Amino acid sequence: MNRPLHIIGELMNNSYARARKAFVNRDLKGYQALAQLQVHGGAEYLDLNLDGTQALQVRREEMLAFLPEVVPAIQEVTSAPICFDNPWVEYHRVALQSYDRTKGGAPILNSIAASRERLDEMIDLVREFDTMVVVMASETFAPGGTAQCMNPQDAHRAAKHFVELLAVKAGRRNDQILIDPGLAPVGADTYGLVNIGLDAMRLIRADPDFEGVHMVVGLSNFAWGTPKGVRVELEKAYLTLGTGAGLDFAIANPEKSPAPLPHDHPMVAKLREALEEGRPREGETHEIAGFRQVEAIMAVCHEAQAADF
């Protein structure tokens, strides 16, 4: 059963030029405008990521100094809950201390994962500030550290570990948890990671222990590297497959009107067929199948581009 899709607007992120300009100028009205634009575009939550990018170096001290200003400013113009997006525990501590839940309801801590430093402190913040929380199920604990989940069963186990941990250590109900199985750029996915994520969602949805949990992906990752004219339709086709597998949240650009395409849309069929090419046949490695999938995706992109001329 497909669930309604909830959009977490991603435009307050320094990978976008408008957010980058607003951060450089410490322009609170610029952030307010981005917040309002996204809510008017259908976003129900707003992602706030002040971290650096290739185009902008940001020191941690700068983020911590700006959060107490920008968070209240955003909340002045919208009641949409904020999703605080950063791997650093102090970012979340300051952000949550600056957030007024009487104006916006429960915020989202994005994210906890096996590789997080001071993971116990992050979980303590989830409990202390009574937040929703994103769990990265694309990585797991391994001897000597952590590792990427390379099959859906590993992702399922990683998700179960954190759902149980959050219940015990942070008092979280399943419906307060968003599981991110990971979403690779499909044009460079030479290991079948997109299929692993979809299959992991299906496993999780079939497990009664996960009843009520949410599923989330960062949608813009999916079509990165493909021709610009094809990206929006590819993203929407993925949403059709994703919601069919159990997806109900996406961190996305509301200006692209992210929503699933009809199941009988040609792009959905083409994407499904291309992803099937990424499943290893008897005697094949994941890499061989992965390169075949990438070739199929590129063929879909070239066909779509040619049809526009």
C-alpha atoms as a PDB file:
ATOM      1  CA  MET A   1       0.000   0.000   0.000  1.00  0.00           C
ATOM      2  CA  ASN A   2       1.421   3.379  -1.015  1.00  0.00           C
ATOM      3  CA  ARG A   3       1.586   5.936   1.777  1.00  0.00           C
ATOM      4  CA  PRO A   4       1.185   9.707   1.391  1.00  0.00           C
ATOM      5  CA  LEU A   5       4.518  11.343   0.567  1.00  0.00           C
ATOM      6  CA  HIS A   6       5.730  14.094   2.904  1.00  0.00           C
ATOM      7  CA  ILE A   7       8.329  16.558   1.608  1.00  0.00           C
ATOM      8  CA  ILE A   8      11.170  17.949   3.712  1.00  0.00           C
ATOM      9  CA  GLY A   9      12.300  21.054   1.824  1.00  0.00           C
ATOM     10  CA  GLU A  10      16.054  21.030   1.185  1.00  0.00           C
ATOM     11  CA  LEU A  11      16.749  24.567  -0.078  1.00  0.00           C
ATOM     12  CA  MET A  12      18.273  25.893   3.170  1.00  0.00           C
ATOM     13  CA  ASN A  13      21.504  24.094   2.391  1.00  0.00           C
ATOM     14  CA  ASN A  14      24.759  25.708   1.266  1.00  0.00           C
ATOM     15  CA  SER A  15      24.861  23.502  -1.808  1.00  0.00           C
ATOM     16  CA  TYR A  16      22.186  25.881  -3.169  1.00  0.00           C
ATOM     17  CA  ALA A  17      23.301  29.348  -4.275  1.00  0.00           C
ATOM     18  CA  ARG A  18      20.484  31.241  -2.549  1.00  0.00           C
ATOM     19  CA  ALA A  19      21.191  29.586   0.796  1.00  0.00           C
ATOM     20  CA  ARG A  20      24.930  30.078   0.321  1.00  0.00           C
ATOM     21  CA  LYS A  21      24.409  33.790  -0.294  1.00  0.00           C
ATOM     22  CA  ALA A  22      22.119  34.070   2.730  1.00  0.00           C
ATOM     23  CA  PHE A  23      24.656  32.320   4.947  1.00  0.00           C
ATOM     24  CA  VAL A  24      27.615  34.423   3.767  1.00  0.00           C
ATOM     25  CA  ASN A  25      25.632  37.615   4.432  1.00  0.00           C
ATOM     26  CA  ARG A  26      23.981  36.239   7.587  1.00  0.00           C
ATOM     27  CA  ASP A  27      20.784  37.311   5.880  1.00  0.00           C
ATOM     28  CA  LEU A  28      17.881  36.250   8.113  1.00  0.00           C
ATOM     29  CA  LYS A  29      15.307  37.603   5.670  1.00  0.00           C
ATOM     30  CA  GLY A  30      16.903  35.470   2.967  1.00  0.00           C
ATOM     31  CA  TYR A  31      16.340  32.353   5.088  1.00  0.00           C
ATOM     32  CA  GLN A  32      12.812  33.450   5.871  1.00  0.00           C
ATOM     33  CA  ALA A  33      12.104  33.832   2.161  1.00  0.00           C
ATOM     34  CA  LEU A  34      13.474  30.348   1.455  1.00  0.00           C
ATOM     35  CA  ALA A  35      11.379  28.899   4.271  1.00  0.00           C
ATOM     36  CA  GLN A  36       8.180  30.521   3.021  1.00  0.00           C
ATOM     37  CA  LEU A  37       8.875  29.610  -0.603  1.00  0.00           C
ATOM     38  CA  GLN A  38       9.227  25.935   0.322  1.00  0.00           C
ATOM     39  CA  VAL A  39       6.137  25.800   2.511  1.00  0.00           C
ATOM     40  CA  HIS A  40       4.107  27.469  -0.231  1.00  0.00           C
ATOM     41  CA  GLY A  41       5.521  24.826  -2.581  1.00  0.00           C
ATOM     42  CA  GLY A  42       4.174  21.993  -0.444  1.00  0.00           C
ATOM     43  CA  ALA A  43       6.991  21.240   2.002  1.00  0.00           C
ATOM     44  CA  GLU A  44       5.689  20.082   5.394  1.00  0.00           C
ATOM     45  CA  TYR A  45       9.129  20.164   7.053  1.00  0.00           C
ATOM     46  CA  LEU A  46      12.222  22.291   6.417  1.00  0.00           C
ATOM     47  CA  ASP A  47      15.753  20.917   6.370  1.00  0.00           C
ATOM     48  CA  LEU A  48      18.419  23.254   7.782  1.00  0.00           C
ATOM     49  CA  ASN A  49      22.020  22.416   6.908  1.00  0.00           C
ATOM     50  CA  LEU A  50      24.635  25.144   7.477  1.00  0.00           C
ATOM     51  CA  ASP A  51      27.631  22.952   6.702  1.00  0.00           C
ATOM     52  CA  GLY A  52      30.302  23.741   4.139  1.00  0.00           C
ATOM     53  CA  THR A  53      30.407  22.601   0.533  1.00  0.00           C
ATOM     54  CA  GLN A  54      32.982  22.612  -2.259  1.00  0.00           C
ATOM     55  CA  ALA A  55      31.912  26.168  -2.994  1.00  0.00           C
ATOM     56  CA  LEU A  56      31.990  27.440   0.591  1.00  0.00           C
ATOM     57  CA  GLN A  57      34.156  26.674   3.605  1.00  0.00           C
ATOM     58  CA  VAL A  58      32.266  26.897   6.907  1.00  0.00           C
ATOM     59  CA  ARG A  59      33.872  26.606  10.326  1.00  0.00           C
ATOM     60  CA  ARG A  60      31.998  24.854  13.088  1.00  0.00           C
ATOM     61  CA  GLU A  61      32.181  27.963  15.235  1.00  0.00           C
ATOM     62  CA  GLU A  62      30.355  29.914  12.514  1.00  0.00           C
ATOM     63  CA  MET A  63      27.491  27.434  12.491  1.00  0.00           C
ATOM     64  CA  LEU A  64      27.141  27.458  16.266  1.00  0.00           C
ATOM     65  CA  ALA A  65      27.128  31.248  16.367  1.00  0.00           C
ATOM     66  CA  PHE A  66      24.473  31.563  13.650  1.00  0.00           C
ATOM     67  CA  LEU A  67      22.018  28.868  14.740  1.00  0.00           C
ATOM     68  CA  PRO A  68      20.541  30.892  17.663  1.00  0.00           C
ATOM     69  CA  GLU A  69      19.744  33.663  15.173  1.00  0.00           C
ATOM     70  CA  VAL A  70      18.536  31.758  12.138  1.00  0.00           C
ATOM     71  CA  VAL A  71      16.337  29.169  13.875  1.00  0.00           C
ATOM     72  CA  PRO A  72      14.037  31.735  15.597  1.00  0.00           C
ATOM     73  CA  ALA A  73      13.972  33.790  12.382  1.00  0.00           C
ATOM     74  CA  ILE A  74      12.670  30.810  10.410  1.00  0.00           C
ATOM     75  CA  GLN A  75      10.099  30.089  13.094  1.00  0.00           C
ATOM     76  CA  GLU A  76       8.856  33.689  12.904  1.00  0.00           C
ATOM     77  CA  VAL A  77       7.468  33.070   9.413  1.00  0.00           C
ATOM     78  CA  THR A  78       6.373  29.420   9.419  1.00  0.00           C
ATOM     79  CA  SER A  79       5.155  26.717  11.769  1.00  0.00           C
ATOM     80  CA  ALA A  80       6.707  23.941   9.675  1.00  0.00           C
ATOM     81  CA  PRO A  81       8.950  21.780  11.892  1.00  0.00           C
ATOM     82  CA  ILE A  82      12.677  22.035  11.195  1.00  0.00           C
ATOM     83  CA  CYS A  83      14.828  19.035  10.333  1.00  0.00           C
ATOM     84  CA  PHE A  84      18.312  19.766  11.703  1.00  0.00           C
ATOM     85  CA  ASP A  85      20.784  18.150   9.330  1.00  0.00           C
ATOM     86  CA  ASN A  86      24.368  17.621  10.464  1.00  0.00           C
ATOM     87  CA  PRO A  87      26.626  14.780  11.691  1.00  0.00           C
ATOM     88  CA  TRP A  88      27.976  16.856  14.594  1.00  0.00           C
ATOM     89  CA  VAL A  89      26.382  16.569  18.035  1.00  0.00           C
ATOM     90  CA  GLU A  90      27.069  20.193  19.081  1.00  0.00           C
ATOM     91  CA  TYR A  91      25.219  21.475  16.010  1.00  0.00           C
ATOM     92  CA  HIS A  92      22.141  19.602  17.161  1.00  0.00           C
ATOM     93  CA  ARG A  93      22.506  20.688  20.779  1.00  0.00           C
ATOM     94  CA  VAL A  94      22.598  24.404  19.879  1.00  0.00           C
ATOM     95  CA  ALA A  95      19.928  24.053  17.194  1.00  0.00           C
ATOM     96  CA  LEU A  96      17.512  22.288  19.524  1.00  0.00           C
ATOM     97  CA  GLN A  97      18.171  24.770  22.320  1.00  0.00           C
ATOM     98  CA  SER A  98      17.262  27.536  19.845  1.00  0.00           C
ATOM     99  CA  TYR A  99      14.084  25.831  18.625  1.00  0.00           C
ATOM    100  CA  ASP A 100      10.637  26.660  20.027  1.00  0.00           C
ATOM    101  CA  ARG A 101       8.488  23.542  19.744  1.00  0.00           C
ATOM    102  CA  THR A 102       5.382  25.515  20.764  1.00  0.00           C
ATOM    103  CA  LYS A 103       5.650  27.189  17.340  1.00  0.00           C
ATOM    104  CA  GLY A 104       6.686  24.260  15.195  1.00  0.00           C
ATOM    105  CA  GLY A 105       5.939  20.963  16.898  1.00  0.00           C
ATOM    106  CA  ALA A 106       8.492  18.171  17.117  1.00  0.00           C
ATOM    107  CA  PRO A 107      11.751  18.865  15.247  1.00  0.00           C
ATOM    108  CA  ILE A 108      13.743  16.173  13.443  1.00  0.00           C
ATOM    109  CA  LEU A 109      17.326  15.272  14.349  1.00  0.00           C
ATOM    110  CA  ASN A 110      19.023  14.209  11.110  1.00  0.00           C
ATOM    111  CA  SER A 111      20.791  11.909  11.656  1.00  0.00           C
ATOM    112  CA  ILE A 112      22.147   9.096  13.793  1.00  0.00           C
ATOM    113  CA  ALA A 113      24.336   6.408  12.254  1.00  0.00           C
ATOM    114  CA  ALA A 114      26.919   3.786  13.131  1.00  0.00           C
ATOM    115  CA  SER A 115      29.741   6.139  12.158  1.00  0.00           C
ATOM    116  CA  ARG A 116      28.655   9.111  14.273  1.00  0.00           C
ATOM    117  CA  GLU A 117      31.095  10.376  16.839  1.00  0.00           C
ATOM    118  CA  ARG A 118      29.565  10.712  20.314  1.00  0.00           C
ATOM    119  CA  LEU A 119      26.558   8.663  19.223  1.00  0.00           C
ATOM    120  CA  ASP A 120      25.354   8.210  22.808  1.00  0.00           C
ATOM    121  CA  GLU A 121      25.162  11.989  23.225  1.00  0.00           C
ATOM    122  CA  MET A 122      23.096  12.303  20.058  1.00  0.00           C
ATOM    123  CA  ILE A 123      20.641   9.745  21.358  1.00  0.00           C
ATOM    124  CA  ASP A 124      20.508  11.634  24.657  1.00  0.00           C
ATOM    125  CA  LEU A 125      19.517  14.766  22.717  1.00  0.00           C
ATOM    126  CA  VAL A 126      16.697  12.861  21.012  1.00  0.00           C
ATOM    127  CA  ARG A 127      15.314  11.974  24.426  1.00  0.00           C
ATOM    128  CA  GLU A 128      15.977  15.360  26.069  1.00  0.00           C
ATOM    129  CA  PHE A 129      14.341  17.405  23.314  1.00  0.00           C
ATOM    130  CA  ASP A 130      11.698  14.815  22.394  1.00  0.00           C
ATOM    131  CA  THR A 131      12.557  14.852  18.687  1.00  0.00           C
ATOM    132  CA  MET A 132      11.784  12.742  15.699  1.00  0.00           C
ATOM    133  CA  VAL A 133      14.979  11.174  14.379  1.00  0.00           C
ATOM    134  CA  VAL A 134      16.484  10.001  11.082  1.00  0.00           C
ATOM    135  CA  VAL A 135      18.360   6.696  11.225  1.00  0.00           C
ATOM    136  CA  MET A 136      20.955   5.985   8.536  1.00  0.00           C
ATOM    137  CA  ALA A 137      20.466   2.303   7.669  1.00  0.00           C
ATOM    138  CA  SER A 138      23.003   2.398   4.843  1.00  0.00           C
ATOM    139  CA  GLU A 139      25.885   1.723   7.231  1.00  0.00           C
ATOM    140  CA  THR A 140      26.436  -0.726  10.041  1.00  0.00           C
ATOM    141  CA  PHE A 141      28.844  -1.552  12.827  1.00  0.00           C
ATOM    142  CA  ALA A 142      31.769  -3.757  11.797  1.00  0.00           C
ATOM    143  CA  PRO A 143      34.892  -5.101  13.496  1.00  0.00           C
ATOM    144  CA  GLY A 144      37.195  -2.148  14.042  1.00  0.00           C
ATOM    145  CA  GLY A 145      34.636   0.458  12.995  1.00  0.00           C
ATOM    146  CA  THR A 146      31.768   0.722  10.530  1.00  0.00           C
ATOM    147  CA  ALA A 147      30.961  -0.443   7.011  1.00  0.00           C
ATOM    148  CA  GLN A 148      28.501   0.330   4.239  1.00  0.00           C
ATOM    149  CA  CYS A 149      25.563  -2.049   4.002  1.00  0.00           C
ATOM    150  CA  MET A 150      26.056  -3.949   0.761  1.00  0.00           C
ATOM    151  CA  ASN A 151      22.833  -5.947   0.796  1.00  0.00           C
ATOM    152  CA  PRO A 152      19.256  -5.323   1.954  1.00  0.00           C
ATOM    153  CA  GLN A 153      19.544  -7.759   4.838  1.00  0.00           C
ATOM    154  CA  ASP A 154      22.397  -5.719   6.355  1.00  0.00           C
ATOM    155  CA  ALA A 155      20.345  -2.531   6.026  1.00  0.00           C
ATOM    156  CA  HIS A 156      17.383  -4.239   7.673  1.00  0.00           C
ATOM    157  CA  ARG A 157      19.581  -5.359  10.589  1.00  0.00           C
ATOM    158  CA  ALA A 158      21.103  -1.879  10.943  1.00  0.00           C
ATOM    159  CA  ALA A 159      17.639  -0.324  11.042  1.00  0.00           C
ATOM    160  CA  LYS A 160      16.430  -2.840  13.623  1.00  0.00           C
ATOM    161  CA  HIS A 161      19.448  -2.182  15.834  1.00  0.00           C
ATOM    162  CA  PHE A 162      18.718   1.544  15.961  1.00  0.00           C
ATOM    163  CA  VAL A 163      14.949   1.239  16.287  1.00  0.00           C
ATOM    164  CA  GLU A 164      15.454  -0.990  19.325  1.00  0.00           C
ATOM    165  CA  LEU A 165      18.191   1.272  20.710  1.00  0.00           C
ATOM    166  CA  LEU A 166      16.032   4.382  20.315  1.00  0.00           C
ATOM    167  CA  ALA A 167      13.122   2.690  22.042  1.00  0.00           C
ATOM    168  CA  VAL A 168      15.259   1.740  25.050  1.00  0.00           C
ATOM    169  CA  LYS A 169      17.623   4.726  25.305  1.00  0.00           C
ATOM    170  CA  ALA A 170      15.421   7.568  24.004  1.00  0.00           C
ATOM    171  CA  GLY A 171      11.861   6.369  24.541  1.00  0.00           C
ATOM    172  CA  ARG A 172      11.040   6.677  20.853  1.00  0.00           C
ATOM    173  CA  ARG A 173       7.966   5.126  19.317  1.00  0.00           C
ATOM    174  CA  ASN A 174       8.276   3.685  15.827  1.00  0.00           C
ATOM    175  CA  ASP A 175       6.279   6.568  14.362  1.00  0.00           C
ATOM    176  CA  GLN A 176       8.923   9.026  15.630  1.00  0.00           C
ATOM    177  CA  ILE A 177      11.654   7.321  13.588  1.00  0.00           C
ATOM    178  CA  LEU A 178      12.542   7.903   9.919  1.00  0.00           C
ATOM    179  CA  ILE A 179      14.753   5.225   8.375  1.00  0.00           C
ATOM    180  CA  ASP A 180      17.028   6.262   5.513  1.00  0.00           C
ATOM    181  CA  PRO A 181      18.180   3.174   3.563  1.00  0.00           C
ATOM    182  CA  GLY A 182      20.416   5.321   1.353  1.00  0.00           C
ATOM    183  CA  LEU A 183      19.965   6.473  -2.217  1.00  0.00           C
ATOM    184  CA  ALA A 184      22.910   6.387  -4.618  1.00  0.00           C
ATOM    185  CA  PRO A 185      23.267   8.457  -7.821  1.00  0.00           C
ATOM    186  CA  VAL A 186      21.681   6.102 -10.337  1.00  0.00           C
ATOM    187  CA  GLY A 187      23.951   7.220 -13.178  1.00  0.00           C
ATOM    188  CA  ALA A 188      27.022   6.020 -11.281  1.00  0.00           C
ATOM    189  CA  ASP A 189      25.527   3.109  -9.347  1.00  0.00           C
ATOM    190  CA  THR A 190      27.820   0.281 -10.403  1.00  0.00           C
ATOM    191  CA  TYR A 191      26.983  -1.948  -7.423  1.00  0.00           C
ATOM    192  CA  GLY A 192      23.174  -1.942  -7.421  1.00  0.00           C
ATOM    193  CA  LEU A 193      22.862   0.307  -4.376  1.00  0.00           C
ATOM    194  CA  VAL A 194      19.548   1.767  -5.575  1.00  0.00           C
ATOM    195  CA  ASN A 195      18.071  -1.731  -5.688  1.00  0.00           C
ATOM    196  CA  ILE A 196      19.543  -2.504  -2.265  1.00  0.00           C
ATOM    197  CA  GLY A 197      17.764   0.533  -0.829  1.00  0.00           C
ATOM    198  CA  LEU A 198      14.424  -0.382  -2.427  1.00  0.00           C
ATOM    199  CA  ASP A 199      14.739  -4.007  -1.329  1.00  0.00           C
ATOM    200  CA  ALA A 200      15.647  -2.892   2.204  1.00  0.00           C
ATOM    201  CA  MET A 201      12.475  -0.801   2.368  1.00  0.00           C
ATOM    202  CA  ARG A 202      10.425  -3.815   1.312  1.00  0.00           C
ATOM    203  CA  LEU A 203      12.050  -5.976   3.996  1.00  0.00           C
ATOM    204  CA  ILE A 204      11.422  -3.346   6.653  1.00  0.00           C
ATOM    205  CA  ARG A 205       7.793  -2.850   5.643  1.00  0.00           C
ATOM    206  CA  ALA A 206       7.239  -6.619   5.803  1.00  0.00           C
ATOM    207  CA  ASP A 207       8.634  -6.842   9.357  1.00  0.00           C
ATOM    208  CA  PRO A 208       5.938  -6.318  12.042  1.00  0.00           C
ATOM    209  CA  ASP A 209       8.603  -5.009  14.428  1.00  0.00           C
ATOM    210  CA  PHE A 210       8.814  -1.900  12.220  1.00  0.00           C
ATOM    211  CA  GLU A 211       5.090  -1.144  12.200  1.00  0.00           C
ATOM    212  CA  GLY A 212       4.629   2.645  12.062  1.00  0.00           C
ATOM    213  CA  VAL A 213       8.177   3.669  11.119  1.00  0.00           C
ATOM    214  CA  HIS A 214       8.739   6.139   8.306  1.00  0.00           C
ATOM    215  CA  MET A 215      11.106   5.828   5.333  1.00  0.00           C
ATOM    216  CA  VAL A 216      13.080   8.764   3.965  1.00  0.00           C
ATOM    217  CA  VAL A 217      15.643   9.410   1.228  1.00  0.00           C
ATOM    218  CA  GLY A 218      17.574  12.428  -0.037  1.00  0.00           C
ATOM    219  CA  LEU A 219      15.940  12.603  -3.459  1.00  0.00           C
ATOM    220  CA  SER A 220      18.408  14.970  -5.151  1.00  0.00           C
ATOM    221  CA  ASN A 221      21.139  12.329  -4.822  1.00  0.00           C
ATOM    222  CA  PHE A 222      19.298  10.051  -7.223  1.00  0.00           C
ATOM    223  CA  ALA A 223      19.613  11.904 -10.528  1.00  0.00           C
ATOM    224  CA  TRP A 224      22.928  13.631  -9.777  1.00  0.00           C
ATOM    225  CA  GLY A 225      25.232  13.351 -12.769  1.00  0.00           C
ATOM    226  CA  THR A 226      22.496  12.661 -15.317  1.00  0.00           C
ATOM    227  CA  PRO A 227      21.551  15.249 -17.997  1.00  0.00           C
ATOM    228  CA  LYS A 228      19.717  18.212 -16.457  1.00  0.00           C
ATOM    229  CA  GLY A 229      16.720  17.915 -18.757  1.00  0.00           C
ATOM    230  CA  VAL A 230      15.994  14.383 -17.538  1.00  0.00           C
ATOM    231  CA  ARG A 231      16.597  14.735 -13.794  1.00  0.00           C
ATOM    232  CA  VAL A 232      13.170  15.868 -12.624  1.00  0.00           C
ATOM    233  CA  GLU A 233      11.333  13.088 -14.450  1.00  0.00           C
ATOM    234  CA  LEU A 234      13.865  10.507 -13.242  1.00  0.00           C
ATOM    235  CA  GLU A 235      13.395  11.681  -9.650  1.00  0.00           C
ATOM    236  CA  LYS A 236       9.630  11.445  -9.956  1.00  0.00           C
ATOM    237  CA  ALA A 237       9.885   7.978 -11.489  1.00  0.00           C
ATOM    238  CA  TYR A 238      12.020   6.918  -8.516  1.00  0.00           C
ATOM    239  CA  LEU A 239       9.352   8.271  -6.175  1.00  0.00           C
ATOM    240  CA  THR A 240       6.834   5.984  -7.872  1.00  0.00           C
ATOM    241  CA  LEU A 241       9.044   2.959  -7.227  1.00  0.00           C
ATOM    242  CA  GLY A 242      10.011   4.205  -3.768  1.00  0.00           C
ATOM    243  CA  THR A 243       6.495   4.822  -2.511  1.00  0.00           C
ATOM    244  CA  GLY A 244       5.559   1.406  -3.865  1.00  0.00           C
ATOM    245  CA  ALA A 245       8.321  -0.061  -1.682  1.00  0.00           C
ATOM    246  CA  GLY A 246       7.278   1.880   1.433  1.00  0.00           C
ATOM    247  CA  LEU A 247       8.812   5.361   1.115  1.00  0.00           C
ATOM    248  CA  ASP A 248       6.766   8.137   2.758  1.00  0.00           C
ATOM    249  CA  PHE A 249       9.254  11.009   3.258  1.00  0.00           C
ATOM    250  CA  ALA A 250      11.697  12.670   0.863  1.00  0.00           C
ATOM    251  CA  ILE A 251      14.215  15.461   1.397  1.00  0.00           C
ATOM    252  CA  ALA A 252      13.686  17.301  -1.865  1.00  0.00           C
ATOM    253  CA  ASN A 253      13.447  20.598  -3.714  1.00  0.00           C
ATOM    254  CA  PRO A 254       9.797  21.754  -3.550  1.00  0.00           C
ATOM    255  CA  GLU A 255      10.312  23.950  -6.615  1.00  0.00           C
ATOM    256  CA  LYS A 256      10.492  20.745  -8.685  1.00  0.00           C
ATOM    257  CA  SER A 257       7.029  19.675  -7.439  1.00  0.00           C
ATOM    258  CA  PRO A 258       8.338  16.281  -6.278  1.00  0.00           C
ATOM    259  CA  ALA A 259       5.614  13.660  -6.531  1.00  0.00           C
ATOM    260  CA  PRO A 260       5.329  10.131  -7.906  1.00  0.00           C
ATOM    261  CA  LEU A 261       4.477   9.672 -11.572  1.00  0.00           C
ATOM    262  CA  PRO A 262       1.522   7.448 -12.492  1.00  0.00           C
ATOM    263  CA  HIS A 263       2.460   3.777 -12.367  1.00  0.00           C
ATOM    264  CA  ASP A 264       1.849   3.423 -16.110  1.00  0.00           C
ATOM    265  CA  HIS A 265       4.071   6.389 -17.044  1.00  0.00           C
ATOM    266  CA  PRO A 266       6.723   5.416 -19.629  1.00  0.00           C
ATOM    267  CA  MET A 267       9.592   6.743 -17.507  1.00  0.00           C
ATOM    268  CA  VAL A 268       8.541   4.542 -14.591  1.00  0.00           C
ATOM    269  CA  ALA A 269       8.630   1.479 -16.825  1.00  0.00           C
ATOM    270  CA  LYS A 270      12.019   2.449 -18.267  1.00  0.00           C
ATOM    271  CA  LEU A 271      13.539   3.090 -14.847  1.00  0.00           C
ATOM    272  CA  ARG A 272      12.181  -0.178 -13.496  1.00  0.00           C
ATOM    273  CA  GLU A 273      13.639  -2.059 -16.470  1.00  0.00           C
ATOM    274  CA  ALA A 274      17.018  -0.328 -16.108  1.00  0.00           C
ATOM    275  CA  LEU A 275      17.208  -1.189 -12.416  1.00  0.00           C
ATOM    276  CA  GLU A 276      16.375  -4.805 -13.183  1.00  0.00           C
ATOM    277  CA  GLU A 277      19.473  -4.833 -15.392  1.00  0.00           C
ATOM    278  CA  GLY A 278      21.432  -4.127 -12.223  1.00  0.00           C
ATOM    279  CA  ARG A 279      20.462  -7.411 -10.594  1.00  0.00           C
ATOM    280  CA  PRO A 280      23.225 -10.012 -11.010  1.00  0.00           C
ATOM    281  CA  ARG A 281      22.435 -12.998 -13.194  1.00  0.00           C
ATOM    282  CA  GLU A 282      23.736 -16.453 -12.421  1.00  0.00           C
ATOM    283  CA  GLY A 283      27.506 -16.387 -12.156  1.00  0.00           C
ATOM    284  CA  GLU A 284      27.763 -12.597 -12.354  1.00  0.00           C
ATOM    285  CA  THR A 285      29.329 -10.175  -9.909  1.00  0.00           C
ATOM    286  CA  HIS A 286      27.466  -7.125  -8.628  1.00  0.00           C
ATOM    287  CA  GLU A 287      29.907  -4.960 -10.566  1.00  0.00           C
ATOM    288  CA  ILE A 288      29.108  -6.563 -13.934  1.00  0.00           C
ATOM    289  CA  ALA A 289      25.398  -6.111 -13.319  1.00  0.00           C
ATOM    290  CA  GLY A 290      26.007  -2.597 -12.041  1.00  0.00           C
ATOM    291  CA  PHE A 291      27.775  -1.483 -15.197  1.00  0.00           C
ATOM    292  CA  ARG A 292      24.942  -2.951 -17.256  1.00  0.00           C
ATOM    293  CA  GLN A 293      22.478  -0.941 -15.144  1.00  0.00           C
ATOM    294  CA  VAL A 294      24.454   2.277 -15.693  1.00  0.00           C
ATOM    295  CA  GLU A 295      24.470   1.674 -19.458  1.00  0.00           C
ATOM    296  CA  ALA A 296      20.709   1.135 -19.366  1.00  0.00           C
ATOM    297  CA  ILE A 297      20.193   4.351 -17.388  1.00  0.00           C
ATOM    298  CA  MET A 298      22.317   6.332 -19.831  1.00  0.00           C
ATOM    299  CA  ALA A 299      20.271   4.889 -22.711  1.00  0.00           C
ATOM    300  CA  VAL A 300      17.074   6.043 -20.985  1.00  0.00           C
ATOM    301  CA  CYS A 301      18.567   9.535 -20.573  1.00  0.00           C
ATOM    302  CA  HIS A 302      19.679   9.777 -24.208  1.00  0.00           C
ATOM    303  CA  GLU A 303      16.264   8.589 -25.407  1.00  0.00           C
ATOM    304  CA  ALA A 304      14.502  11.167 -23.246  1.00  0.00           C
ATOM    305  CA  GLN A 305      16.792  13.940 -24.469  1.00  0.00           C
ATOM    306  CA  ALA A 306      16.266  12.970 -28.110  1.00  0.00           C
ATOM    307  CA  ALA A 307      12.497  13.028 -27.638  1.00  0.00           C
ATOM    308  CA  ASP A 308      12.720  16.665 -26.511  1.00  0.00           C
ATOM    309  CA  PHE A 309      14.300  17.813 -29.768  1.00  0.00           C
END
